[in-house]
Full PDB file with SEQRES, HELIX, SHEET, SSBOND, CRYST1, ORIGX, SCALE, CONECT and MASTER records, all heavy atoms in Angstrom:
SEQRES   1 A   33  TYR LEU LEU LYS LYS PRO ASN CYS THR GLN LEU ILE SER          
SEQRES   2 A   33  ALA TRP LEU GLY SER GLY GLU LYS PHE GLU ASN LYS PHE          
SEQRES   3 A   33  ILE ALA GLN LEU ARG SER ASN                                  
HELIX    1 AA1 ALA A   14  LEU A   16  5                                   3    
HELIX    2 AA2 GLU A   20  SER A   32  1                                  13    
CRYST1    1.000    1.000    1.000  90.00  90.00  90.00 P 1           1          
ORIGX1      1.000000  0.000000  0.000000        0.00000                         
ORIGX2      0.000000  1.000000  0.000000        0.00000                         
ORIGX3      0.000000  0.000000  1.000000        0.00000                         
SCALE1      1.000000  0.000000  0.000000        0.00000                         
SCALE2      0.000000  1.000000  0.000000        0.00000                         
SCALE3      0.000000  0.000000  1.000000        0.00000                         
ATOM      1  N   TYR A   1       1.894   6.901  12.060  1.00  0.00           N  
ATOM      2  CA  TYR A   1       1.856   6.911  13.519  1.00  0.00           C  
ATOM      3  C   TYR A   1       1.666   8.331  14.047  1.00  0.00           C  
ATOM      4  O   TYR A   1       0.811   8.585  14.888  1.00  0.00           O  
ATOM      5  CB  TYR A   1       3.130   6.303  14.107  1.00  0.00           C  
ATOM      6  CG  TYR A   1       3.262   6.560  15.587  1.00  0.00           C  
ATOM      7  CD1 TYR A   1       2.551   5.798  16.501  1.00  0.00           C  
ATOM      8  CD2 TYR A   1       4.055   7.605  16.068  1.00  0.00           C  
ATOM      9  CE1 TYR A   1       2.636   6.044  17.856  1.00  0.00           C  
ATOM     10  CE2 TYR A   1       4.145   7.865  17.423  1.00  0.00           C  
ATOM     11  CZ  TYR A   1       3.435   7.083  18.314  1.00  0.00           C  
ATOM     12  OH  TYR A   1       3.509   7.351  19.655  1.00  0.00           O  
ATOM     13  N   LEU A   2       2.465   9.251  13.545  1.00  0.00           N  
ATOM     14  CA  LEU A   2       2.388  10.636  14.020  1.00  0.00           C  
ATOM     15  C   LEU A   2       1.064  11.293  13.644  1.00  0.00           C  
ATOM     16  O   LEU A   2       0.573  12.162  14.361  1.00  0.00           O  
ATOM     17  CB  LEU A   2       3.562  11.445  13.481  1.00  0.00           C  
ATOM     18  CG  LEU A   2       4.936  11.034  14.012  1.00  0.00           C  
ATOM     19  CD1 LEU A   2       6.048  11.732  13.237  1.00  0.00           C  
ATOM     20  CD2 LEU A   2       5.048  11.311  15.500  1.00  0.00           C  
ATOM     21  N   LEU A   3       0.478  10.864  12.533  1.00  0.00           N  
ATOM     22  CA  LEU A   3      -0.816  11.393  12.106  1.00  0.00           C  
ATOM     23  C   LEU A   3      -1.989  10.673  12.777  1.00  0.00           C  
ATOM     24  O   LEU A   3      -3.139  11.059  12.600  1.00  0.00           O  
ATOM     25  CB  LEU A   3      -0.945  11.274  10.582  1.00  0.00           C  
ATOM     26  CG  LEU A   3      -0.009  12.185   9.795  1.00  0.00           C  
ATOM     27  CD1 LEU A   3       0.064  11.731   8.342  1.00  0.00           C  
ATOM     28  CD2 LEU A   3      -0.456  13.633   9.905  1.00  0.00           C  
ATOM     29  N   LYS A   4      -1.673   9.627  13.533  1.00  0.00           N  
ATOM     30  CA  LYS A   4      -2.688   8.830  14.247  1.00  0.00           C  
ATOM     31  C   LYS A   4      -3.709   8.229  13.280  1.00  0.00           C  
ATOM     32  O   LYS A   4      -4.894   8.151  13.554  1.00  0.00           O  
ATOM     33  CB  LYS A   4      -3.414   9.662  15.314  1.00  0.00           C  
ATOM     34  CG  LYS A   4      -2.509  10.391  16.288  1.00  0.00           C  
ATOM     35  CD  LYS A   4      -1.676   9.449  17.107  1.00  0.00           C  
ATOM     36  CE  LYS A   4      -0.890  10.224  18.159  1.00  0.00           C  
ATOM     37  NZ  LYS A   4       0.459   9.768  18.312  1.00  0.00           N  
ATOM     38  N   LYS A   5      -3.208   7.769  12.118  1.00  0.00           N  
ATOM     39  CA  LYS A   5      -4.043   7.145  11.091  1.00  0.00           C  
ATOM     40  C   LYS A   5      -3.343   5.881  10.599  1.00  0.00           C  
ATOM     41  O   LYS A   5      -2.135   5.881  10.366  1.00  0.00           O  
ATOM     42  CB  LYS A   5      -4.253   8.070   9.888  1.00  0.00           C  
ATOM     43  CG  LYS A   5      -4.883   9.406  10.182  1.00  0.00           C  
ATOM     44  CD  LYS A   5      -6.365   9.306  10.301  1.00  0.00           C  
ATOM     45  CE  LYS A   5      -6.972  10.692  10.507  1.00  0.00           C  
ATOM     46  NZ  LYS A   5      -8.372  10.633  10.761  1.00  0.00           N  
ATOM     47  N   PRO A   6      -4.089   4.803  10.391  1.00  0.00           N  
ATOM     48  CA  PRO A   6      -3.474   3.610   9.807  1.00  0.00           C  
ATOM     49  C   PRO A   6      -3.264   3.798   8.306  1.00  0.00           C  
ATOM     50  O   PRO A   6      -3.860   4.682   7.681  1.00  0.00           O  
ATOM     51  CB  PRO A   6      -4.514   2.518  10.071  1.00  0.00           C  
ATOM     52  CG  PRO A   6      -5.815   3.254  10.096  1.00  0.00           C  
ATOM     53  CD  PRO A   6      -5.495   4.606  10.712  1.00  0.00           C  
ATOM     54  N   ASN A   7      -2.417   2.967   7.726  1.00  0.00           N  
ATOM     55  CA  ASN A   7      -2.278   2.942   6.280  1.00  0.00           C  
ATOM     56  C   ASN A   7      -3.559   2.396   5.673  1.00  0.00           C  
ATOM     57  O   ASN A   7      -4.216   1.534   6.268  1.00  0.00           O  
ATOM     58  CB  ASN A   7      -1.109   2.051   5.857  1.00  0.00           C  
ATOM     59  CG  ASN A   7       0.185   2.808   5.787  1.00  0.00           C  
ATOM     60  OD1 ASN A   7       0.297   3.796   5.086  1.00  0.00           O  
ATOM     61  ND2 ASN A   7       1.163   2.335   6.526  1.00  0.00           N  
ATOM     62  N   CYS A   8      -3.893   2.848   4.486  1.00  0.00           N  
ATOM     63  CA  CYS A   8      -5.117   2.414   3.819  1.00  0.00           C  
ATOM     64  C   CYS A   8      -4.956   1.074   3.111  1.00  0.00           C  
ATOM     65  O   CYS A   8      -5.941   0.422   2.789  1.00  0.00           O  
ATOM     66  CB  CYS A   8      -5.569   3.462   2.806  1.00  0.00           C  
ATOM     67  SG  CYS A   8      -5.995   5.051   3.534  1.00  0.00           S  
ATOM     68  N   THR A   9      -3.733   0.668   2.840  1.00  0.00           N  
ATOM     69  CA  THR A   9      -3.485  -0.602   2.165  1.00  0.00           C  
ATOM     70  C   THR A   9      -2.566  -1.459   3.036  1.00  0.00           C  
ATOM     71  O   THR A   9      -2.046  -1.000   4.043  1.00  0.00           O  
ATOM     72  CB  THR A   9      -2.802  -0.391   0.792  1.00  0.00           C  
ATOM     73  OG1 THR A   9      -1.463   0.060   0.998  1.00  0.00           O  
ATOM     74  CG2 THR A   9      -3.579   0.598  -0.072  1.00  0.00           C  
ATOM     75  N   GLN A  10      -2.361  -2.681   2.587  1.00  0.00           N  
ATOM     76  CA  GLN A  10      -1.455  -3.580   3.304  1.00  0.00           C  
ATOM     77  C   GLN A  10       0.001  -3.175   3.129  1.00  0.00           C  
ATOM     78  O   GLN A  10       0.860  -3.625   3.872  1.00  0.00           O  
ATOM     79  CB  GLN A  10      -1.626  -5.012   2.809  1.00  0.00           C  
ATOM     80  CG  GLN A  10      -2.948  -5.620   3.186  1.00  0.00           C  
ATOM     81  CD  GLN A  10      -3.111  -7.007   2.590  1.00  0.00           C  
ATOM     82  OE1 GLN A  10      -2.546  -7.332   1.555  1.00  0.00           O  
ATOM     83  NE2 GLN A  10      -3.904  -7.836   3.258  1.00  0.00           N  
ATOM     84  N   LEU A  11       0.279  -2.347   2.137  1.00  0.00           N  
ATOM     85  CA  LEU A  11       1.650  -1.948   1.850  1.00  0.00           C  
ATOM     86  C   LEU A  11       2.061  -0.820   2.787  1.00  0.00           C  
ATOM     87  O   LEU A  11       1.918   0.355   2.487  1.00  0.00           O  
ATOM     88  CB  LEU A  11       1.776  -1.511   0.391  1.00  0.00           C  
ATOM     89  CG  LEU A  11       3.190  -1.454  -0.166  1.00  0.00           C  
ATOM     90  CD1 LEU A  11       3.870  -2.817  -0.093  1.00  0.00           C  
ATOM     91  CD2 LEU A  11       3.170  -0.966  -1.594  1.00  0.00           C  
ATOM     92  N   ILE A  12       2.542  -1.204   3.960  1.00  0.00           N  
ATOM     93  CA  ILE A  12       2.933  -0.239   4.979  1.00  0.00           C  
ATOM     94  C   ILE A  12       4.250   0.433   4.602  1.00  0.00           C  
ATOM     95  O   ILE A  12       4.417   1.630   4.760  1.00  0.00           O  
ATOM     96  CB  ILE A  12       3.042  -0.929   6.356  1.00  0.00           C  
ATOM     97  CG1 ILE A  12       1.658  -1.402   6.793  1.00  0.00           C  
ATOM     98  CG2 ILE A  12       3.651   0.005   7.393  1.00  0.00           C  
ATOM     99  CD1 ILE A  12       1.659  -2.307   7.989  1.00  0.00           C  
ATOM    100  N   SER A  13       5.157  -0.329   4.085  1.00  0.00           N  
ATOM    101  CA  SER A  13       6.445   0.204   3.650  1.00  0.00           C  
ATOM    102  C   SER A  13       6.488   0.123   2.125  1.00  0.00           C  
ATOM    103  O   SER A  13       6.931  -0.867   1.552  1.00  0.00           O  
ATOM    104  CB  SER A  13       7.573  -0.614   4.273  1.00  0.00           C  
ATOM    105  OG  SER A  13       8.808  -0.105   3.882  1.00  0.00           O  
ATOM    106  N   ALA A  14       6.009   1.174   1.474  1.00  0.00           N  
ATOM    107  CA  ALA A  14       5.819   1.155   0.028  1.00  0.00           C  
ATOM    108  C   ALA A  14       7.084   0.808  -0.745  1.00  0.00           C  
ATOM    109  O   ALA A  14       7.033   0.104  -1.745  1.00  0.00           O  
ATOM    110  CB  ALA A  14       5.267   2.501  -0.438  1.00  0.00           C  
ATOM    111  N   TRP A  15       8.221   1.268  -0.291  1.00  0.00           N  
ATOM    112  CA  TRP A  15       9.448   1.024  -1.050  1.00  0.00           C  
ATOM    113  C   TRP A  15       9.828  -0.449  -1.094  1.00  0.00           C  
ATOM    114  O   TRP A  15      10.582  -0.878  -1.957  1.00  0.00           O  
ATOM    115  CB  TRP A  15      10.598   1.877  -0.522  1.00  0.00           C  
ATOM    116  CG  TRP A  15      11.033   1.575   0.869  1.00  0.00           C  
ATOM    117  CD1 TRP A  15      10.518   2.065   2.021  1.00  0.00           C  
ATOM    118  CD2 TRP A  15      12.081   0.690   1.255  1.00  0.00           C  
ATOM    119  NE1 TRP A  15      11.171   1.547   3.101  1.00  0.00           N  
ATOM    120  CE2 TRP A  15      12.143   0.693   2.662  1.00  0.00           C  
ATOM    121  CE3 TRP A  15      12.975  -0.103   0.549  1.00  0.00           C  
ATOM    122  CZ2 TRP A  15      13.059  -0.060   3.361  1.00  0.00           C  
ATOM    123  CZ3 TRP A  15      13.889  -0.861   1.258  1.00  0.00           C  
ATOM    124  CH2 TRP A  15      13.919  -0.830   2.654  1.00  0.00           C  
ATOM    125  N   LEU A  16       9.279  -1.272  -0.200  1.00  0.00           N  
ATOM    126  CA  LEU A  16       9.536  -2.717  -0.236  1.00  0.00           C  
ATOM    127  C   LEU A  16       8.654  -3.436  -1.248  1.00  0.00           C  
ATOM    128  O   LEU A  16       8.882  -4.592  -1.558  1.00  0.00           O  
ATOM    129  CB  LEU A  16       9.307  -3.336   1.155  1.00  0.00           C  
ATOM    130  CG  LEU A  16      10.309  -2.950   2.228  1.00  0.00           C  
ATOM    131  CD1 LEU A  16       9.891  -3.524   3.566  1.00  0.00           C  
ATOM    132  CD2 LEU A  16      11.706  -3.423   1.855  1.00  0.00           C  
ATOM    133  N   GLY A  17       7.625  -2.745  -1.750  1.00  0.00           N  
ATOM    134  CA  GLY A  17       6.657  -3.370  -2.647  1.00  0.00           C  
ATOM    135  C   GLY A  17       7.020  -3.281  -4.103  1.00  0.00           C  
ATOM    136  O   GLY A  17       6.143  -3.234  -4.952  1.00  0.00           O  
ATOM    137  N   SER A  18       8.300  -3.272  -4.409  1.00  0.00           N  
ATOM    138  CA  SER A  18       8.667  -3.137  -5.813  1.00  0.00           C  
ATOM    139  C   SER A  18       8.440  -4.450  -6.547  1.00  0.00           C  
ATOM    140  O   SER A  18       8.394  -5.522  -5.967  1.00  0.00           O  
ATOM    141  CB  SER A  18      10.116  -2.677  -5.950  1.00  0.00           C  
ATOM    142  OG  SER A  18      10.991  -3.590  -5.352  1.00  0.00           O  
ATOM    143  N   GLY A  19       8.265  -4.317  -7.832  1.00  0.00           N  
ATOM    144  CA  GLY A  19       7.973  -5.465  -8.672  1.00  0.00           C  
ATOM    145  C   GLY A  19       6.535  -5.371  -9.151  1.00  0.00           C  
ATOM    146  O   GLY A  19       5.648  -4.903  -8.431  1.00  0.00           O  
ATOM    147  N   GLU A  20       6.303  -5.785 -10.365  1.00  0.00           N  
ATOM    148  CA  GLU A  20       4.997  -5.627 -11.007  1.00  0.00           C  
ATOM    149  C   GLU A  20       3.858  -6.255 -10.193  1.00  0.00           C  
ATOM    150  O   GLU A  20       2.801  -5.636 -10.024  1.00  0.00           O  
ATOM    151  CB  GLU A  20       5.049  -6.236 -12.407  1.00  0.00           C  
ATOM    152  CG  GLU A  20       3.812  -5.970 -13.216  1.00  0.00           C  
ATOM    153  CD  GLU A  20       3.936  -6.453 -14.654  1.00  0.00           C  
ATOM    154  OE1 GLU A  20       5.065  -6.759 -15.104  1.00  0.00           O  
ATOM    155  OE2 GLU A  20       2.886  -6.534 -15.320  1.00  0.00           O  
ATOM    156  N   LYS A  21       4.072  -7.448  -9.669  1.00  0.00           N  
ATOM    157  CA  LYS A  21       3.026  -8.135  -8.903  1.00  0.00           C  
ATOM    158  C   LYS A  21       2.602  -7.296  -7.680  1.00  0.00           C  
ATOM    159  O   LYS A  21       1.409  -7.077  -7.445  1.00  0.00           O  
ATOM    160  CB  LYS A  21       3.527  -9.509  -8.454  1.00  0.00           C  
ATOM    161  CG  LYS A  21       2.551 -10.275  -7.606  1.00  0.00           C  
ATOM    162  CD  LYS A  21       3.145 -11.613  -7.169  1.00  0.00           C  
ATOM    163  CE  LYS A  21       2.240 -12.313  -6.204  1.00  0.00           C  
ATOM    164  NZ  LYS A  21       2.832 -13.560  -5.691  1.00  0.00           N  
ATOM    165  N   PHE A  22       3.561  -6.838  -6.906  1.00  0.00           N  
ATOM    166  CA  PHE A  22       3.258  -6.071  -5.694  1.00  0.00           C  
ATOM    167  C   PHE A  22       2.673  -4.703  -6.029  1.00  0.00           C  
ATOM    168  O   PHE A  22       1.765  -4.227  -5.352  1.00  0.00           O  
ATOM    169  CB  PHE A  22       4.506  -5.915  -4.823  1.00  0.00           C  
ATOM    170  CG  PHE A  22       4.929  -7.194  -4.169  1.00  0.00           C  
ATOM    171  CD1 PHE A  22       6.076  -7.852  -4.591  1.00  0.00           C  
ATOM    172  CD2 PHE A  22       4.185  -7.754  -3.137  1.00  0.00           C  
ATOM    173  CE1 PHE A  22       6.469  -9.035  -3.994  1.00  0.00           C  
ATOM    174  CE2 PHE A  22       4.567  -8.942  -2.540  1.00  0.00           C  
ATOM    175  CZ  PHE A  22       5.716  -9.583  -2.976  1.00  0.00           C  
ATOM    176  N   GLU A  23       3.199  -4.087  -7.070  1.00  0.00           N  
ATOM    177  CA  GLU A  23       2.686  -2.774  -7.447  1.00  0.00           C  
ATOM    178  C   GLU A  23       1.241  -2.854  -7.918  1.00  0.00           C  
ATOM    179  O   GLU A  23       0.413  -2.008  -7.563  1.00  0.00           O  
ATOM    180  CB  GLU A  23       3.572  -2.139  -8.517  1.00  0.00           C  
ATOM    181  CG  GLU A  23       4.931  -1.722  -7.963  1.00  0.00           C  
ATOM    182  CD  GLU A  23       5.776  -0.995  -8.975  1.00  0.00           C  
ATOM    183  OE1 GLU A  23       5.351   0.087  -9.408  1.00  0.00           O  
ATOM    184  OE2 GLU A  23       6.861  -1.509  -9.324  1.00  0.00           O  
ATOM    185  N   ASN A  24       0.914  -3.882  -8.693  1.00  0.00           N  
ATOM    186  CA  ASN A  24      -0.470  -4.056  -9.141  1.00  0.00           C  
ATOM    187  C   ASN A  24      -1.406  -4.365  -7.978  1.00  0.00           C  
ATOM    188  O   ASN A  24      -2.549  -3.897  -7.951  1.00  0.00           O  
ATOM    189  CB  ASN A  24      -0.553  -5.128 -10.223  1.00  0.00           C  
ATOM    190  CG  ASN A  24       0.010  -4.648 -11.550  1.00  0.00           C  
ATOM    191  OD1 ASN A  24      -0.076  -3.467 -11.875  1.00  0.00           O  
ATOM    192  ND2 ASN A  24       0.612  -5.546 -12.307  1.00  0.00           N  
ATOM    193  N   LYS A  25      -0.924  -5.123  -7.004  1.00  0.00           N  
ATOM    194  CA  LYS A  25      -1.721  -5.386  -5.806  1.00  0.00           C  
ATOM    195  C   LYS A  25      -1.956  -4.081  -5.034  1.00  0.00           C  
ATOM    196  O   LYS A  25      -3.059  -3.821  -4.556  1.00  0.00           O  
ATOM    197  CB  LYS A  25      -1.014  -6.413  -4.916  1.00  0.00           C  
ATOM    198  CG  LYS A  25      -1.784  -6.791  -3.668  1.00  0.00           C  
ATOM    199  CD  LYS A  25      -1.041  -7.846  -2.859  1.00  0.00           C  
ATOM    200  CE  LYS A  25      -1.826  -8.183  -1.610  1.00  0.00           C  
ATOM    201  NZ  LYS A  25      -1.153  -9.202  -0.794  1.00  0.00           N  
ATOM    202  N   PHE A  26      -0.935  -3.272  -4.933  1.00  0.00           N  
ATOM    203  CA  PHE A  26      -1.040  -1.981  -4.265  1.00  0.00           C  
ATOM    204  C   PHE A  26      -2.070  -1.091  -4.964  1.00  0.00           C  
ATOM    205  O   PHE A  26      -2.934  -0.496  -4.325  1.00  0.00           O  
ATOM    206  CB  PHE A  26       0.344  -1.317  -4.239  1.00  0.00           C  
ATOM    207  CG  PHE A  26       0.371   0.076  -3.688  1.00  0.00           C  
ATOM    208  CD1 PHE A  26       0.007   0.335  -2.381  1.00  0.00           C  
ATOM    209  CD2 PHE A  26       0.781   1.133  -4.487  1.00  0.00           C  
ATOM    210  CE1 PHE A  26       0.045   1.629  -1.861  1.00  0.00           C  
ATOM    211  CE2 PHE A  26       0.828   2.427  -3.986  1.00  0.00           C  
ATOM    212  CZ  PHE A  26       0.451   2.666  -2.674  1.00  0.00           C  
ATOM    213  N   ILE A  27      -2.002  -1.035  -6.280  1.00  0.00           N  
ATOM    214  CA  ILE A  27      -2.951  -0.231  -7.054  1.00  0.00           C  
ATOM    215  C   ILE A  27      -4.377  -0.737  -6.847  1.00  0.00           C  
ATOM    216  O   ILE A  27      -5.308   0.054  -6.657  1.00  0.00           O  
ATOM    217  CB  ILE A  27      -2.562  -0.237  -8.552  1.00  0.00           C  
ATOM    218  CG1 ILE A  27      -1.257   0.537  -8.750  1.00  0.00           C  
ATOM    219  CG2 ILE A  27      -3.683   0.348  -9.410  1.00  0.00           C  
ATOM    220  CD1 ILE A  27      -0.615   0.335 -10.120  1.00  0.00           C  
ATOM    221  N   ALA A  28      -4.545  -2.044  -6.860  1.00  0.00           N  
ATOM    222  CA  ALA A  28      -5.878  -2.624  -6.647  1.00  0.00           C  
ATOM    223  C   ALA A  28      -6.426  -2.238  -5.278  1.00  0.00           C  
ATOM    224  O   ALA A  28      -7.623  -1.935  -5.136  1.00  0.00           O  
ATOM    225  CB  ALA A  28      -5.816  -4.143  -6.796  1.00  0.00           C  
ATOM    226  N   GLN A  29      -5.569  -2.220  -4.265  1.00  0.00           N  
ATOM    227  CA  GLN A  29      -6.013  -1.833  -2.923  1.00  0.00           C  
ATOM    228  C   GLN A  29      -6.305  -0.333  -2.840  1.00  0.00           C  
ATOM    229  O   GLN A  29      -7.228   0.067  -2.141  1.00  0.00           O  
ATOM    230  CB  GLN A  29      -4.978  -2.239  -1.878  1.00  0.00           C  
ATOM    231  CG  GLN A  29      -4.932  -3.731  -1.658  1.00  0.00           C  
ATOM    232  CD  GLN A  29      -3.937  -4.139  -0.604  1.00  0.00           C  
ATOM    233  OE1 GLN A  29      -3.392  -3.318   0.130  1.00  0.00           O  
ATOM    234  NE2 GLN A  29      -3.677  -5.430  -0.512  1.00  0.00           N  
ATOM    235  N   LEU A  30      -5.554   0.486  -3.550  1.00  0.00           N  
ATOM    236  CA  LEU A  30      -5.865   1.915  -3.596  1.00  0.00           C  
ATOM    237  C   LEU A  30      -7.268   2.130  -4.155  1.00  0.00           C  
ATOM    238  O   LEU A  30      -8.047   2.923  -3.635  1.00  0.00           O  
ATOM    239  CB  LEU A  30      -4.845   2.680  -4.458  1.00  0.00           C  
ATOM    240  CG  LEU A  30      -3.447   2.887  -3.897  1.00  0.00           C  
ATOM    241  CD1 LEU A  30      -2.540   3.530  -4.949  1.00  0.00           C  
ATOM    242  CD2 LEU A  30      -3.466   3.717  -2.628  1.00  0.00           C  
ATOM    243  N   ARG A  31      -7.578   1.374  -5.220  1.00  0.00           N  
ATOM    244  CA  ARG A  31      -8.905   1.478  -5.843  1.00  0.00           C  
ATOM    245  C   ARG A  31      -9.995   0.952  -4.917  1.00  0.00           C  
ATOM    246  O   ARG A  31     -10.992   1.633  -4.660  1.00  0.00           O  
ATOM    247  CB  ARG A  31      -8.936   0.688  -7.153  1.00  0.00           C  
ATOM    248  CG  ARG A  31      -8.220   1.343  -8.284  1.00  0.00           C  
ATOM    249  CD  ARG A  31      -8.386   0.508  -9.550  1.00  0.00           C  
ATOM    250  NE  ARG A  31      -7.619   1.077 -10.632  1.00  0.00           N  
ATOM    251  CZ  ARG A  31      -6.863   0.368 -11.450  1.00  0.00           C  
ATOM    252  NH1 ARG A  31      -6.786  -0.947 -11.330  1.00  0.00           N  
ATOM    253  NH2 ARG A  31      -6.204   0.968 -12.418  1.00  0.00           N  
ATOM    254  N   SER A  32      -9.824  -0.269  -4.445  1.00  0.00           N  
ATOM    255  CA  SER A  32     -10.893  -0.918  -3.663  1.00  0.00           C  
ATOM    256  C   SER A  32     -11.132  -0.240  -2.319  1.00  0.00           C  
ATOM    257  O   SER A  32     -12.254  -0.252  -1.810  1.00  0.00           O  
ATOM    258  CB  SER A  32     -10.594  -2.406  -3.462  1.00  0.00           C  
ATOM    259  OG  SER A  32      -9.448  -2.591  -2.654  1.00  0.00           O  
ATOM    260  N   ASN A  33     -10.101   0.371  -1.753  1.00  0.00           N  
ATOM    261  CA  ASN A  33     -10.249   1.039  -0.458  1.00  0.00           C  
ATOM    262  C   ASN A  33     -10.595   2.521  -0.600  1.00  0.00           C  
ATOM    263  O   ASN A  33     -10.684   3.232   0.400  1.00  0.00           O  
ATOM    264  CB  ASN A  33      -8.968   0.882   0.365  1.00  0.00           C  
ATOM    265  CG  ASN A  33      -8.707  -0.553   0.747  1.00  0.00           C  
ATOM    266  OD1 ASN A  33      -9.589  -1.392   0.703  1.00  0.00           O  
ATOM    267  ND2 ASN A  33      -7.473  -0.854   1.107  1.00  0.00           N  
TER     268      ASN A  33                                                      
MASTER        0    0    0    2    0    0    0    6  267    1    0    3          
END                                                                             
């Protein structure tokens, strides 16, 4: 918000994305985006 930029992935609150399934989805979005 302060940087006036959206997050690049759907994982807005990264610390909530724990667990192998969510982490792999996050990695895939880092790559694809």
